Amino acid sequence: MIIDEQAAFRSLLMHHVTTHWPDAVISAYDPTAAGHLPDEFSGAGNDVILLGDRHGEDRDGIDVLRRFIKKKGFPPVVYFASDDDGGAVGKLMPDAQFRRDGIDHAAFVRTLADVLRAATAGSPSLNDLRTGTPPTIKRYRINRKLSATEHSGVYLAERESDSKWLVLKLLRQMADDRESQDAFDRFLSEYEAIADIRHPNIVGIFDLGISDDHAYIAMEYLDGGDLRYRINSGIDENKALDYLRQVADALSAIHSEGVLHRDLKPANVMLRADGSIALIDFGLAKRAVLASSVSGKGEIFGTPFYMSPEQGHGSNVDSRSDIYSLGIIFFEMLTGYKPFQADTAMGVIYKHAQTPIPQLPARYARHQPLLERLLAKVPRDRLQTADEVGRWLR
């Protein structure tokens, strides 16, 4: 997460990060446009906080740094200062610090990599999920670990009551830690928005809760791989249209409940053995009708290759942003490559907003009008709802 009032500086840091880690998911927060982060902000869900010293006339960067580092369990903080602070930053001991002018890219990457490694190695709770003995969750038998990050682990498990295979996503709690409990609440709320939605093209959520010292989400096990793998292997035209229809149906279902996905991409579209698809990973989802203290104007979420122009520039988004992402996926399914590519994330974001809508190969020309309506630069020029995508296909 990048926090600073200056858009150019946020973009610069995003460039440094994504040049080395092109798949990084970055939230860029403007404390003057979106409002200062509340005292209860715990940084949960972030691997590292890149904190600039500019927060408007009414807030001092060092004060923000002091608030962050005194919180137990807060992510590592890298601080960027404008000038000599008389040693104030050094006394607070952030995980790393730089002068915000003249950042050396190689030094930045080395330092950030060291900070991330130290955070992983230094926390028993994180190591338990990444490399240690699988945790015990009542009513489930864990078979094997599927993946792990610094904040959570994903396991293939068997439900004891009926021997059903499913996936458990876990977050470890640190005892007697209010911030950790807040992280629990946010972890579970990621999926509460869609837990009650029953739709064939949305991953099934079976259980949400707390067991011993873990928060967990039990969800459907999807054994057909993801759409990213299918694209790499090649998808024929009819199958691409079928997948497009199914994803549009899934978006229609969540949008009808006021939920935006905000990170629609092939890796978040999974397949079942029967060929049907299911939309997954609602970690960036939010209810469109609810205001959040840490989201809204001034913040960027998602994966740059699939971001709508408005999302990439931190503007307010609605369901039409998901429709744009769907258009990018449609193009990639037909052609096998992403329509907008550049050496940096900011370069990709620029192309989404400024480069003309790509042309499909001649053999797919009959789908160009649909692509134009999905990838329109201005939301009002797109198909307005996911239902309209389905009607177009029919």
Protein backbone atom coordinates (compact mmCIF):
# COMPACT_ATOMS: atom_id res chain seq x y z
CA MET A 1 0.00 0.00 0.00
CA ILE A 2 1.36 3.41 -1.03
CA ILE A 3 0.26 6.41 1.06
CA ASP A 4 1.11 9.98 0.04
CA GLU A 5 -0.81 13.04 -1.15
CA GLN A 6 1.29 13.56 -4.29
CA ALA A 7 -0.04 11.56 -7.26
CA ALA A 8 3.25 11.76 -9.18
CA PHE A 9 5.15 10.30 -6.23
CA ARG A 10 2.62 7.49 -5.77
CA SER A 11 3.02 6.69 -9.46
CA LEU A 12 6.82 6.73 -9.13
CA LEU A 13 6.74 4.22 -6.28
CA MET A 14 4.27 2.06 -8.20
CA HIS A 15 6.72 2.10 -11.12
CA HIS A 16 9.62 0.99 -8.90
CA VAL A 17 7.56 -1.84 -7.41
CA THR A 18 5.94 -3.20 -10.55
CA THR A 19 9.13 -3.06 -12.61
CA HIS A 20 10.55 -5.72 -10.29
CA TRP A 21 7.29 -7.36 -9.16
CA PRO A 22 4.99 -7.03 -12.22
CA ASP A 23 2.15 -9.04 -10.60
CA ALA A 24 2.04 -6.93 -7.45
CA VAL A 25 -1.42 -5.73 -6.42
CA ILE A 26 -1.06 -2.16 -5.20
CA SER A 27 -3.43 0.18 -3.41
CA ALA A 28 -2.36 3.82 -3.80
CA TYR A 29 -3.98 6.04 -1.18
CA ASP A 30 -4.28 9.82 -1.25
CA PRO A 31 -4.87 11.05 2.33
CA THR A 32 -5.99 14.50 1.18
CA ALA A 33 -8.52 13.33 -1.42
CA ALA A 34 -9.81 10.29 0.48
CA GLY A 35 -9.33 11.55 4.04
CA HIS A 36 -6.80 10.57 6.66
CA LEU A 37 -6.78 6.91 7.60
CA PRO A 38 -8.64 6.30 10.88
CA ASP A 39 -6.83 5.43 14.10
CA GLU A 40 -8.17 1.88 13.93
CA PHE A 41 -6.47 1.26 10.55
CA SER A 42 -4.22 -1.77 11.13
CA GLY A 43 -2.74 -2.28 7.68
CA ALA A 44 -4.19 -5.79 7.54
CA GLY A 45 -3.96 -7.48 4.16
CA ASN A 46 -0.85 -5.57 3.08
CA ASP A 47 2.64 -7.03 2.81
CA VAL A 48 4.29 -3.62 3.25
CA ILE A 49 3.32 0.04 3.62
CA LEU A 50 5.24 2.60 1.54
CA LEU A 51 4.63 5.83 3.47
CA GLY A 52 5.44 9.23 2.04
CA ASP A 53 5.78 12.26 4.28
CA ARG A 54 3.16 14.42 2.57
CA HIS A 55 -0.31 14.21 4.09
CA GLY A 56 -1.70 17.71 3.72
CA GLU A 57 -1.20 20.78 5.82
CA ASP A 58 -3.05 19.39 8.82
CA ARG A 59 -1.12 16.12 9.23
CA ASP A 60 2.61 15.56 9.68
CA GLY A 61 4.17 12.50 8.02
CA ILE A 62 6.26 11.67 11.06
CA ASP A 63 3.13 11.67 13.20
CA VAL A 64 1.51 9.18 10.81
CA LEU A 65 4.65 7.04 10.95
CA ARG A 66 4.58 7.14 14.75
CA ARG A 67 0.93 6.02 14.78
CA PHE A 68 1.68 3.10 12.47
CA ILE A 69 4.79 1.63 14.04
CA LYS A 70 3.40 1.62 17.57
CA LYS A 71 0.60 -0.73 16.49
CA LYS A 72 1.26 -4.36 17.32
CA GLY A 73 1.15 -6.58 14.26
CA PHE A 74 1.31 -3.65 11.79
CA PRO A 75 2.95 -4.49 8.42
CA PRO A 76 6.51 -3.30 7.72
CA VAL A 77 6.73 0.42 6.96
CA VAL A 78 9.17 2.02 4.50
CA TYR A 79 9.25 5.80 4.97
CA PHE A 80 10.10 8.48 2.38
CA ALA A 81 11.20 11.88 3.72
CA SER A 82 11.51 15.18 1.85
CA ASP A 83 14.39 16.67 3.82
CA ASP A 84 16.46 16.37 6.96
CA ASP A 85 14.18 15.70 9.90
CA GLY A 86 16.78 16.06 12.61
CA GLY A 87 16.88 12.33 13.23
CA ALA A 88 13.18 12.04 14.10
CA VAL A 89 12.56 9.26 11.59
CA GLY A 90 15.62 7.33 12.71
CA LYS A 91 14.43 7.43 16.31
CA LEU A 92 11.11 5.92 15.32
CA MET A 93 12.95 3.11 13.48
CA PRO A 94 10.79 2.32 10.44
CA ASP A 95 11.74 -0.88 8.64
CA ALA A 96 13.55 1.23 6.03
CA GLN A 97 13.74 4.85 4.95
CA PHE A 98 14.63 6.81 1.79
CA ARG A 99 14.83 10.39 0.62
CA ARG A 100 11.85 10.83 -1.66
CA ASP A 101 13.89 12.66 -4.30
CA GLY A 102 16.43 10.68 -6.32
CA ILE A 103 15.41 7.14 -5.27
CA ASP A 104 17.89 4.61 -6.65
CA HIS A 105 15.87 1.77 -8.18
CA ALA A 106 18.35 -1.03 -7.47
CA ALA A 107 18.79 0.05 -3.85
CA PHE A 108 15.03 0.37 -3.42
CA VAL A 109 14.35 -3.13 -4.77
CA ARG A 110 17.08 -4.70 -2.63
CA THR A 111 15.84 -2.96 0.49
CA LEU A 112 12.19 -3.78 -0.11
CA ALA A 113 13.02 -7.44 -0.78
CA ASP A 114 15.00 -7.55 2.48
CA VAL A 115 12.10 -5.97 4.38
CA LEU A 116 9.66 -8.54 3.02
CA ARG A 117 11.97 -11.47 3.78
CA ALA A 118 12.55 -10.22 7.32
CA ALA A 119 8.82 -9.84 7.91
CA THR A 120 8.17 -13.41 6.82
CA ALA A 121 11.08 -14.91 8.73
CA GLY A 122 10.46 -12.94 11.89
CA SER A 123 6.83 -13.86 12.59
CA PRO A 124 5.98 -17.32 13.91
CA SER A 125 2.34 -16.79 12.99
CA LEU A 126 3.24 -16.20 9.35
CA ASN A 127 5.72 -19.06 9.23
CA ASP A 128 3.07 -21.42 10.57
CA LEU A 129 0.94 -20.77 7.50
CA ARG A 130 3.78 -20.61 4.98
CA THR A 131 6.02 -23.52 5.99
CA GLY A 132 4.97 -25.03 9.31
CA THR A 133 2.64 -27.79 10.47
CA PRO A 134 -0.89 -27.40 9.06
CA PRO A 135 -3.24 -25.89 11.64
CA THR A 136 -6.09 -27.84 13.19
CA ILE A 137 -9.58 -26.71 12.24
CA LYS A 138 -12.48 -28.48 13.91
CA ARG A 139 -14.74 -30.49 11.60
CA TYR A 140 -12.16 -30.49 8.79
CA ARG A 141 -9.24 -32.77 7.94
CA ILE A 142 -6.50 -30.86 6.12
CA ASN A 143 -4.97 -32.84 3.28
CA ARG A 144 -2.32 -30.52 1.83
CA LYS A 145 -1.36 -26.90 1.38
CA LEU A 146 -2.32 -25.36 -1.97
CA SER A 147 -0.71 -21.95 -1.49
CA ALA A 148 0.36 -19.47 1.13
CA THR A 149 1.12 -15.78 1.45
CA GLU A 150 2.51 -13.73 4.30
CA HIS A 151 -1.03 -13.32 5.65
CA SER A 152 -2.97 -16.47 4.86
CA GLY A 153 -2.81 -20.09 3.86
CA VAL A 154 -5.00 -22.06 1.45
CA TYR A 155 -5.49 -25.79 2.03
CA LEU A 156 -7.28 -28.69 0.43
CA ALA A 157 -9.40 -30.26 3.17
CA GLU A 158 -12.08 -32.86 3.76
CA ARG A 159 -15.23 -32.08 5.70
CA GLU A 160 -15.60 -34.78 8.36
CA SER A 161 -19.40 -34.84 8.31
CA ASP A 162 -19.75 -36.01 4.71
CA SER A 163 -16.17 -36.48 3.36
CA LYS A 164 -16.69 -33.59 0.93
CA TRP A 165 -13.52 -32.05 -0.49
CA LEU A 166 -13.28 -28.28 -0.17
CA VAL A 167 -10.81 -25.45 0.19
CA LEU A 168 -9.99 -23.76 3.49
CA LYS A 169 -8.58 -20.25 3.46
CA LEU A 170 -7.04 -19.35 6.83
CA LEU A 171 -5.77 -16.31 8.67
CA ARG A 172 -3.82 -16.80 11.89
CA GLN A 173 -4.83 -14.77 14.94
CA MET A 174 -2.34 -13.43 17.46
CA ALA A 175 -3.74 -13.87 20.96
CA ASP A 176 -4.84 -10.84 22.98
CA ASP A 177 -4.29 -8.50 20.06
CA ARG A 178 -7.08 -6.09 19.19
CA GLU A 179 -5.51 -5.31 15.83
CA SER A 180 -5.44 -9.01 15.00
CA GLN A 181 -9.12 -9.28 15.85
CA ASP A 182 -9.83 -6.36 13.54
CA ALA A 183 -7.94 -8.19 10.82
CA PHE A 184 -10.14 -11.22 11.50
CA ASP A 185 -13.24 -9.15 10.96
CA ARG A 186 -11.97 -7.76 7.68
CA PHE A 187 -10.83 -11.20 6.52
CA LEU A 188 -14.28 -12.66 7.05
CA SER A 189 -16.12 -9.64 5.68
CA GLU A 190 -14.29 -10.12 2.35
CA TYR A 191 -16.59 -13.07 1.71
CA GLU A 192 -19.67 -12.16 3.69
CA ALA A 193 -20.79 -10.06 0.74
CA ILE A 194 -21.13 -13.15 -1.46
CA ALA A 195 -21.55 -15.96 1.09
CA ASP A 196 -25.33 -16.00 0.67
CA ILE A 197 -25.32 -15.75 -3.12
CA ARG A 198 -26.17 -19.11 -4.66
CA HIS A 199 -25.25 -19.08 -8.32
CA PRO A 200 -23.66 -21.75 -10.54
CA ASN A 201 -20.97 -19.34 -11.71
CA ILE A 202 -19.88 -18.11 -8.28
CA VAL A 203 -17.70 -20.19 -5.96
CA GLY A 204 -19.75 -21.76 -3.19
CA ILE A 205 -19.04 -20.53 0.33
CA PHE A 206 -19.93 -23.20 2.89
CA ASP A 207 -18.72 -21.83 6.19
CA LEU A 208 -17.11 -18.76 7.75
CA GLY A 209 -15.88 -18.65 11.28
CA ILE A 210 -13.17 -18.88 13.90
CA SER A 211 -11.62 -22.10 15.17
CA ASP A 212 -9.02 -22.00 17.93
CA ASP A 213 -6.64 -19.23 16.79
CA HIS A 214 -7.59 -19.12 13.10
CA ALA A 215 -10.23 -17.35 11.08
CA TYR A 216 -11.29 -19.58 8.23
CA ILE A 217 -13.43 -19.62 5.11
CA ALA A 218 -14.57 -22.99 3.74
CA MET A 219 -15.35 -22.83 0.04
CA GLU A 220 -15.98 -25.01 -2.96
CA TYR A 221 -13.03 -26.98 -4.35
CA LEU A 222 -12.66 -26.22 -8.06
CA ASP A 223 -10.46 -28.83 -9.68
CA GLY A 224 -10.46 -27.70 -13.32
CA GLY A 225 -7.70 -25.11 -13.10
CA ASP A 226 -8.08 -21.42 -13.89
CA LEU A 227 -8.91 -19.50 -17.04
CA ARG A 228 -5.34 -18.24 -17.26
CA TYR A 229 -4.16 -21.80 -17.95
CA ARG A 230 -6.89 -22.32 -20.58
CA ILE A 231 -5.90 -19.09 -22.35
CA ASN A 232 -2.27 -20.18 -22.46
CA SER A 233 -3.37 -23.51 -23.95
CA GLY A 234 -5.66 -21.86 -26.51
CA ILE A 235 -9.45 -21.39 -26.45
CA ASP A 236 -11.65 -21.78 -29.51
CA GLU A 237 -14.18 -19.10 -30.43
CA ASN A 238 -17.31 -20.89 -29.22
CA LYS A 239 -15.73 -21.79 -25.88
CA ALA A 240 -14.58 -18.18 -25.42
CA LEU A 241 -18.13 -16.98 -25.99
CA ASP A 242 -19.44 -19.56 -23.53
CA TYR A 243 -16.97 -18.49 -20.86
CA LEU A 244 -17.83 -14.83 -21.53
CA ARG A 245 -21.51 -15.57 -21.00
CA GLN A 246 -20.87 -17.46 -17.76
CA VAL A 247 -18.66 -14.73 -16.28
CA ALA A 248 -21.24 -12.11 -17.28
CA ASP A 249 -23.92 -14.15 -15.50
CA ALA A 250 -21.73 -14.24 -12.38
CA LEU A 251 -21.20 -10.48 -12.51
CA SER A 252 -24.93 -9.95 -12.93
CA ALA A 253 -25.55 -11.96 -9.77
CA ILE A 254 -23.08 -10.04 -7.60
CA HIS A 255 -23.96 -6.65 -9.07
CA SER A 256 -27.63 -7.27 -8.27
CA GLU A 257 -26.55 -7.54 -4.63
CA GLY A 258 -24.61 -4.26 -4.85
CA VAL A 259 -21.22 -6.00 -4.88
CA LEU A 260 -18.33 -5.02 -7.16
CA HIS A 261 -15.52 -7.52 -7.78
CA ARG A 262 -12.78 -4.99 -8.67
CA ASP A 263 -10.12 -7.62 -9.46
CA LEU A 264 -11.62 -9.56 -12.36
CA LYS A 265 -8.87 -11.41 -14.24
CA PRO A 266 -8.31 -14.93 -15.65
CA ALA A 267 -6.62 -16.13 -12.45
CA ASN A 268 -9.86 -15.40 -10.58
CA VAL A 269 -12.01 -17.43 -12.97
CA MET A 270 -11.84 -21.13 -12.07
CA LEU A 271 -13.21 -24.14 -13.92
CA ARG A 272 -14.97 -27.24 -12.66
CA ALA A 273 -14.46 -30.71 -14.08
CA ASP A 274 -17.69 -30.35 -16.08
CA GLY A 275 -16.39 -27.23 -17.85
CA SER A 276 -18.52 -24.70 -16.00
CA ILE A 277 -16.76 -21.70 -14.52
CA ALA A 278 -16.90 -20.09 -11.09
CA LEU A 279 -15.82 -16.59 -10.13
CA ILE A 280 -13.49 -16.56 -7.09
CA ASP A 281 -11.36 -14.29 -4.93
CA PHE A 282 -13.51 -11.47 -3.63
CA GLY A 283 -10.68 -10.05 -1.52
CA LEU A 284 -11.03 -6.67 -3.24
CA ALA A 285 -14.80 -6.79 -3.53
CA LYS A 286 -16.87 -4.11 -1.90
CA ARG A 287 -20.50 -3.26 -1.65
CA ALA A 288 -21.14 -0.37 -3.99
CA VAL A 289 -23.66 1.18 -1.61
CA LEU A 290 -21.33 1.25 1.39
CA ALA A 291 -18.63 3.84 2.04
CA SER A 292 -15.38 2.45 3.49
CA SER A 293 -12.89 4.33 5.61
CA VAL A 294 -10.04 2.98 3.51
CA SER A 295 -11.48 2.95 -0.02
CA GLY A 296 -12.98 5.34 -2.50
CA LYS A 297 -11.65 8.34 -4.34
CA GLY A 298 -7.86 8.54 -4.35
CA GLU A 299 -7.22 4.79 -4.09
CA ILE A 300 -6.21 2.26 -6.75
CA PHE A 301 -7.01 -1.44 -6.41
CA GLY A 302 -6.58 -4.37 -8.72
CA THR A 303 -4.28 -5.77 -11.42
CA PRO A 304 -3.14 -3.19 -14.03
CA PHE A 305 -3.61 -5.40 -17.12
CA TYR A 306 -7.36 -5.64 -16.40
CA MET A 307 -8.11 -2.26 -14.81
CA SER A 308 -10.67 0.09 -16.26
CA PRO A 309 -9.39 3.61 -17.03
CA GLU A 310 -11.30 5.04 -14.07
CA GLN A 311 -10.02 2.36 -11.70
CA GLY A 312 -6.42 2.83 -12.83
CA HIS A 313 -6.60 6.54 -12.09
CA GLY A 314 -8.15 6.18 -8.65
CA SER A 315 -11.57 7.53 -9.60
CA ASN A 316 -14.84 6.22 -8.23
CA VAL A 317 -15.89 2.95 -9.87
CA ASP A 318 -19.16 1.13 -10.34
CA SER A 319 -20.28 -2.10 -11.99
CA ARG A 320 -19.20 -0.81 -15.40
CA SER A 321 -15.58 -1.11 -14.28
CA ASP A 322 -16.05 -4.89 -13.90
CA ILE A 323 -17.61 -4.92 -17.39
CA TYR A 324 -14.47 -3.29 -18.79
CA SER A 325 -12.30 -5.96 -17.13
CA LEU A 326 -14.56 -8.57 -18.71
CA GLY A 327 -13.85 -7.02 -22.10
CA ILE A 328 -10.10 -7.35 -21.56
CA ILE A 329 -10.56 -11.02 -20.68
CA PHE A 330 -12.72 -11.54 -23.79
CA PHE A 331 -10.00 -10.08 -26.02
CA GLU A 332 -7.36 -12.24 -24.35
CA MET A 333 -9.46 -15.40 -24.71
CA LEU A 334 -9.82 -14.83 -28.46
CA THR A 335 -6.28 -13.71 -29.23
CA GLY A 336 -4.13 -15.33 -26.53
CA TYR A 337 -2.52 -12.03 -25.51
CA LYS A 338 -3.36 -8.95 -23.45
CA PRO A 339 -4.44 -5.88 -25.46
CA PHE A 340 -2.48 -3.30 -23.48
CA GLN A 341 1.11 -4.05 -22.50
CA ALA A 342 4.00 -1.88 -21.33
CA ASP A 343 7.21 -2.12 -19.32
CA THR A 344 5.58 -0.71 -16.18
CA ALA A 345 2.22 -0.79 -14.46
CA MET A 346 1.77 2.93 -14.99
CA GLY A 347 2.47 2.44 -18.68
CA VAL A 348 -0.32 -0.13 -18.86
CA ILE A 349 -2.69 2.14 -16.94
CA TYR A 350 -1.90 4.98 -19.36
CA LYS A 351 -2.69 2.77 -22.36
CA HIS A 352 -6.06 1.74 -20.91
CA ALA A 353 -7.03 5.41 -20.83
CA GLN A 354 -5.35 6.75 -23.98
CA THR A 355 -4.72 3.98 -26.52
CA PRO A 356 -7.51 3.21 -29.03
CA ILE A 357 -9.58 0.10 -28.47
CA PRO A 358 -7.69 -2.83 -30.05
CA GLN A 359 -8.90 -4.51 -33.20
CA LEU A 360 -9.62 -8.22 -33.18
CA PRO A 361 -8.10 -10.42 -35.90
CA ALA A 362 -10.19 -10.55 -39.09
CA ARG A 363 -11.60 -13.98 -38.31
CA TYR A 364 -13.21 -12.54 -35.16
CA ALA A 365 -14.37 -9.27 -36.73
CA ARG A 366 -18.03 -10.00 -36.01
CA HIS A 367 -17.25 -9.62 -32.28
CA GLN A 368 -15.60 -6.18 -32.68
CA PRO A 369 -18.85 -4.24 -32.00
CA LEU A 370 -19.26 -6.10 -28.70
CA LEU A 371 -15.63 -5.45 -27.78
CA GLU A 372 -16.12 -1.74 -28.52
CA ARG A 373 -19.05 -1.63 -26.08
CA LEU A 374 -17.11 -3.50 -23.39
CA LEU A 375 -13.88 -1.47 -23.65
CA ALA A 376 -15.25 2.02 -24.16
CA LYS A 377 -12.97 4.48 -22.38
CA VAL A 378 -15.88 6.34 -20.78
CA PRO A 379 -18.22 4.23 -18.60
CA ARG A 380 -21.40 5.75 -20.07
CA ASP A 381 -20.38 4.48 -23.53
CA ARG A 382 -20.10 0.84 -22.39
CA LEU A 383 -22.79 -1.76 -22.01
CA GLN A 384 -24.28 -0.58 -18.74
CA THR A 385 -24.99 -3.90 -17.03
CA ALA A 386 -23.75 -7.48 -17.13
CA ASP A 387 -27.29 -8.47 -18.16
CA GLU A 388 -26.80 -6.45 -21.35
CA VAL A 389 -23.71 -8.55 -22.13
CA GLY A 390 -25.81 -11.68 -21.87
CA ARG A 391 -28.57 -10.21 -24.04
CA TRP A 392 -26.01 -9.17 -26.66
CA LEU A 393 -24.65 -12.73 -26.81
CA ARG A 394 -28.13 -14.22 -27.07
